[in-house]
Amino acid sequence: MSIRVVVAGDHQLVLEAFAETINGTDGLEVVGLATTFEAVLPTVERCRPTVLLLGESTMGGKALRIATDVRSHHPGCGVALMVGTATPAVVDRAVAAGALGIVPKNGRMPQLITTLIGVAGGCLTVDPALIRPPVTGDTSLSIRELDVLRLTAGGATVKEIAGELYLASGTVRNLTSAAIKKLGGRNRFDAARIAVEQGWL
């Protein structure tokens, strides 16, 4: 039985090129394409793929939300994420969102095919060098705390962070306070600086 794949991204021409290449591989079949955020879930619902292949920067930066939604509504569908730069922080966020496979966009097609096959089998398919061991002790930061610090490092306000992460402003403040305490920062920007220096963002 073929591994059924839905490919989602912003550009129809790019998706069609991916589809043609994937369809040329034994055991893989592209059964649907989605070029908008709103189209992804209906396409997955209609086509019932084994794997959703999703671009990280796709749909206005909503790829991680899409991954979470798909895993919630269709747990039988694995998610593989194509990312611009694969770093431990990117892998952490992707895995937390429900992705099982992460492929850098500068990777080669055999790596993508291997990832699709691994995800179809329910396996975490990521370069082992990018998987960080869990941090122990009071300095461990949650995925949400890392997300808040990442946006803070980019200069976002509390209100902007709340909108980006779909959280209440009070929740963002609580996460910020927890991160400041764990890192020993003077304020939220200092905590973000420390996290950047530690290579966590």
Protein backbone atom coordinates (compact mmCIF):
# COMPACT_ATOMS: atom_id res chain seq x y z
CA MET A 1 0.00 0.00 0.00
CA SER A 2 1.35 3.43 -0.96
CA ILE A 3 2.13 6.12 1.61
CA ARG A 4 -0.42 8.84 0.91
CA VAL A 5 0.98 12.38 1.10
CA VAL A 6 -0.64 15.82 1.18
CA VAL A 7 1.75 18.68 0.41
CA ALA A 8 0.95 22.15 1.78
CA GLY A 9 2.68 25.42 0.96
CA ASP A 10 2.24 28.90 -0.42
CA HIS A 11 3.18 28.38 -4.05
CA GLN A 12 1.25 26.13 -6.44
CA LEU A 13 4.17 25.69 -8.84
CA VAL A 14 6.52 24.56 -6.04
CA LEU A 15 3.91 22.13 -4.71
CA GLU A 16 3.38 20.63 -8.15
CA ALA A 17 7.14 20.13 -8.53
CA PHE A 18 7.28 18.37 -5.16
CA ALA A 19 4.29 16.25 -6.09
CA GLU A 20 5.86 15.15 -9.37
CA THR A 21 9.11 14.14 -7.68
CA ILE A 22 7.39 12.33 -4.80
CA ASN A 23 5.04 10.51 -7.19
CA GLY A 24 8.10 9.23 -9.02
CA THR A 25 9.17 7.34 -5.90
CA ASP A 26 7.92 3.79 -5.41
CA GLY A 27 5.58 3.50 -2.44
CA LEU A 28 4.72 7.22 -2.25
CA GLU A 29 1.69 8.96 -3.72
CA VAL A 30 0.70 12.64 -3.45
CA VAL A 31 -3.07 12.66 -3.01
CA GLY A 32 -3.66 16.37 -2.40
CA LEU A 33 -2.22 19.89 -2.42
CA ALA A 34 -3.15 22.84 -0.18
CA THR A 35 -2.02 26.40 -0.79
CA THR A 36 -3.90 28.24 1.99
CA PHE A 37 -4.14 27.87 5.75
CA GLU A 38 -7.89 27.32 5.49
CA ALA A 39 -7.48 24.56 2.91
CA VAL A 40 -5.15 22.28 4.88
CA LEU A 41 -7.59 20.61 7.29
CA PRO A 42 -10.32 20.10 4.64
CA THR A 43 -7.72 18.63 2.27
CA VAL A 44 -6.48 16.25 4.97
CA GLU A 45 -10.08 15.36 5.81
CA ARG A 46 -10.92 14.67 2.17
CA CYS A 47 -7.74 12.87 1.11
CA ARG A 48 -6.95 10.96 4.33
CA PRO A 49 -3.15 11.06 3.88
CA THR A 50 -0.61 9.10 5.85
CA VAL A 51 1.68 12.14 5.99
CA LEU A 52 1.24 15.91 5.67
CA LEU A 53 4.36 17.61 4.27
CA LEU A 54 4.31 21.22 5.39
CA GLY A 55 6.60 24.22 4.84
CA GLU A 56 7.70 26.00 8.03
CA SER A 57 7.17 29.49 6.59
CA THR A 58 3.94 28.54 4.91
CA MET A 59 0.50 30.07 5.42
CA GLY A 60 1.74 33.29 7.00
CA GLY A 61 3.90 31.55 9.58
CA LYS A 62 1.09 29.33 10.89
CA ALA A 63 2.79 26.02 10.14
CA LEU A 64 3.15 24.95 13.78
CA ARG A 65 -0.51 25.74 14.45
CA ILE A 66 -1.46 23.70 11.40
CA ALA A 67 0.66 20.79 12.64
CA THR A 68 -1.06 20.88 16.03
CA ASP A 69 -4.53 21.09 14.48
CA VAL A 70 -3.91 18.20 12.11
CA ARG A 71 -2.52 15.98 14.86
CA SER A 72 -5.51 16.85 17.05
CA HIS A 73 -8.19 16.19 14.43
CA HIS A 74 -6.43 13.42 12.48
CA PRO A 75 -4.03 11.56 14.79
CA GLY A 76 -3.43 8.94 12.11
CA CYS A 77 -1.76 11.54 9.89
CA GLY A 78 1.90 12.22 10.62
CA VAL A 79 3.38 15.66 9.99
CA ALA A 80 6.73 16.36 8.33
CA LEU A 81 8.01 19.94 8.43
CA MET A 82 10.36 21.58 5.94
CA VAL A 83 12.36 24.32 7.70
CA GLY A 84 14.68 27.04 6.48
CA THR A 85 17.28 26.41 9.17
CA ALA A 86 17.23 23.27 11.30
CA THR A 87 18.42 24.10 14.82
CA PRO A 88 17.74 22.36 18.15
CA ALA A 89 15.32 25.16 19.09
CA VAL A 90 13.41 24.79 15.81
CA VAL A 91 13.25 21.02 16.28
CA ASP A 92 12.00 21.44 19.86
CA ARG A 93 9.15 23.68 18.76
CA ALA A 94 8.25 21.49 15.80
CA VAL A 95 8.16 18.30 17.88
CA ALA A 96 6.14 20.07 20.59
CA ALA A 97 3.62 21.04 17.89
CA GLY A 98 3.28 17.40 16.83
CA ALA A 99 5.69 17.10 13.91
CA LEU A 100 7.55 13.78 13.63
CA GLY A 101 9.89 14.73 10.78
CA ILE A 102 12.00 17.85 10.21
CA VAL A 103 13.82 18.41 6.93
CA PRO A 104 16.01 21.46 6.18
CA LYS A 105 15.14 23.14 2.88
CA ASN A 106 18.78 22.86 1.84
CA GLY A 107 18.61 19.09 2.27
CA ARG A 108 18.50 16.63 -0.61
CA MET A 109 15.54 14.70 -1.97
CA PRO A 110 16.66 11.31 -0.54
CA GLN A 111 16.55 12.88 2.95
CA LEU A 112 13.00 14.09 2.32
CA ILE A 113 11.89 10.67 1.07
CA THR A 114 13.48 8.96 4.09
CA THR A 115 11.70 11.41 6.38
CA LEU A 116 8.31 10.81 4.75
CA ILE A 117 8.73 7.05 5.12
CA GLY A 118 9.83 7.38 8.73
CA VAL A 119 6.94 9.68 9.64
CA ALA A 120 4.49 7.31 7.93
CA GLY A 121 5.78 4.60 10.25
CA GLY A 122 5.22 6.81 13.30
CA CYS A 123 8.94 7.36 13.90
CA LEU A 124 10.60 10.61 14.94
CA THR A 125 12.81 11.25 11.91
CA VAL A 126 15.26 14.03 12.72
CA ASP A 127 19.02 14.47 12.53
CA PRO A 128 20.13 13.09 15.96
CA ALA A 129 22.55 16.01 16.36
CA LEU A 130 19.56 18.36 16.55
CA ILE A 131 17.80 16.57 19.42
CA ARG A 132 18.79 18.15 22.71
CA PRO A 133 18.82 16.15 25.92
CA PRO A 134 16.25 17.43 28.40
CA VAL A 135 17.53 20.12 30.75
CA THR A 136 17.17 19.18 34.39
CA GLY A 137 16.82 21.38 37.43
CA ASP A 138 15.10 24.72 37.98
CA THR A 139 16.66 26.26 34.87
CA SER A 140 14.66 24.08 32.45
CA LEU A 141 12.41 26.19 30.24
CA SER A 142 9.10 25.01 28.84
CA ILE A 143 8.37 25.19 25.13
CA ARG A 144 5.94 28.07 25.78
CA GLU A 145 8.53 29.96 27.83
CA LEU A 146 11.02 29.54 24.98
CA ASP A 147 8.43 30.81 22.50
CA VAL A 148 7.79 33.91 24.63
CA LEU A 149 11.52 34.59 24.98
CA ARG A 150 12.08 34.09 21.25
CA LEU A 151 9.45 36.70 20.40
CA THR A 152 10.74 38.99 23.14
CA ALA A 153 14.21 38.79 21.64
CA GLY A 154 12.66 39.99 18.38
CA GLY A 155 11.29 43.07 20.13
CA ALA A 156 7.64 42.02 20.37
CA THR A 157 5.38 43.57 23.01
CA VAL A 158 3.40 41.46 25.46
CA LYS A 159 0.24 42.13 23.44
CA GLU A 160 1.96 41.11 20.20
CA ILE A 161 3.30 37.92 21.81
CA ALA A 162 -0.17 37.07 23.11
CA GLY A 163 -1.61 37.46 19.62
CA GLU A 164 1.13 35.41 17.97
CA LEU A 165 0.86 32.52 20.44
CA TYR A 166 -2.93 32.67 20.90
CA LEU A 167 -2.54 33.29 24.64
CA ALA A 168 -4.00 35.80 27.08
CA SER A 169 -1.71 38.71 27.97
CA GLY A 170 -1.77 37.60 31.60
CA THR A 171 -0.55 34.14 30.59
CA VAL A 172 2.31 35.72 28.63
CA ARG A 173 3.27 37.79 31.70
CA ASN A 174 3.23 34.65 33.88
CA LEU A 175 5.40 32.74 31.41
CA THR A 176 7.77 35.71 31.20
CA SER A 177 8.05 35.96 34.98
CA ALA A 178 8.77 32.23 35.26
CA ALA A 179 11.49 32.45 32.59
CA ILE A 180 13.07 35.51 34.23
CA LYS A 181 13.20 33.68 37.56
CA LYS A 182 14.68 30.51 36.07
CA LEU A 183 17.37 32.39 34.13
CA GLY A 184 18.15 35.01 36.76
CA GLY A 185 17.43 37.84 34.34
CA ARG A 186 16.85 41.45 35.37
CA ASN A 187 13.84 41.77 33.07
CA ARG A 188 12.26 39.97 30.10
CA PHE A 189 14.77 41.34 27.60
CA ASP A 190 17.68 40.29 29.80
CA ALA A 191 16.17 36.80 30.11
CA ALA A 192 15.83 36.64 26.31
CA ARG A 193 19.48 37.68 25.95
CA ILE A 194 20.57 34.91 28.32
CA ALA A 195 18.52 32.35 26.41
CA VAL A 196 20.08 33.47 23.12
CA GLU A 197 23.59 33.23 24.58
CA GLN A 198 22.82 29.71 25.83
CA GLY A 199 21.75 28.71 22.31
CA TRP A 200 18.19 27.91 23.37
CA LEU A 201 16.46 30.24 20.89
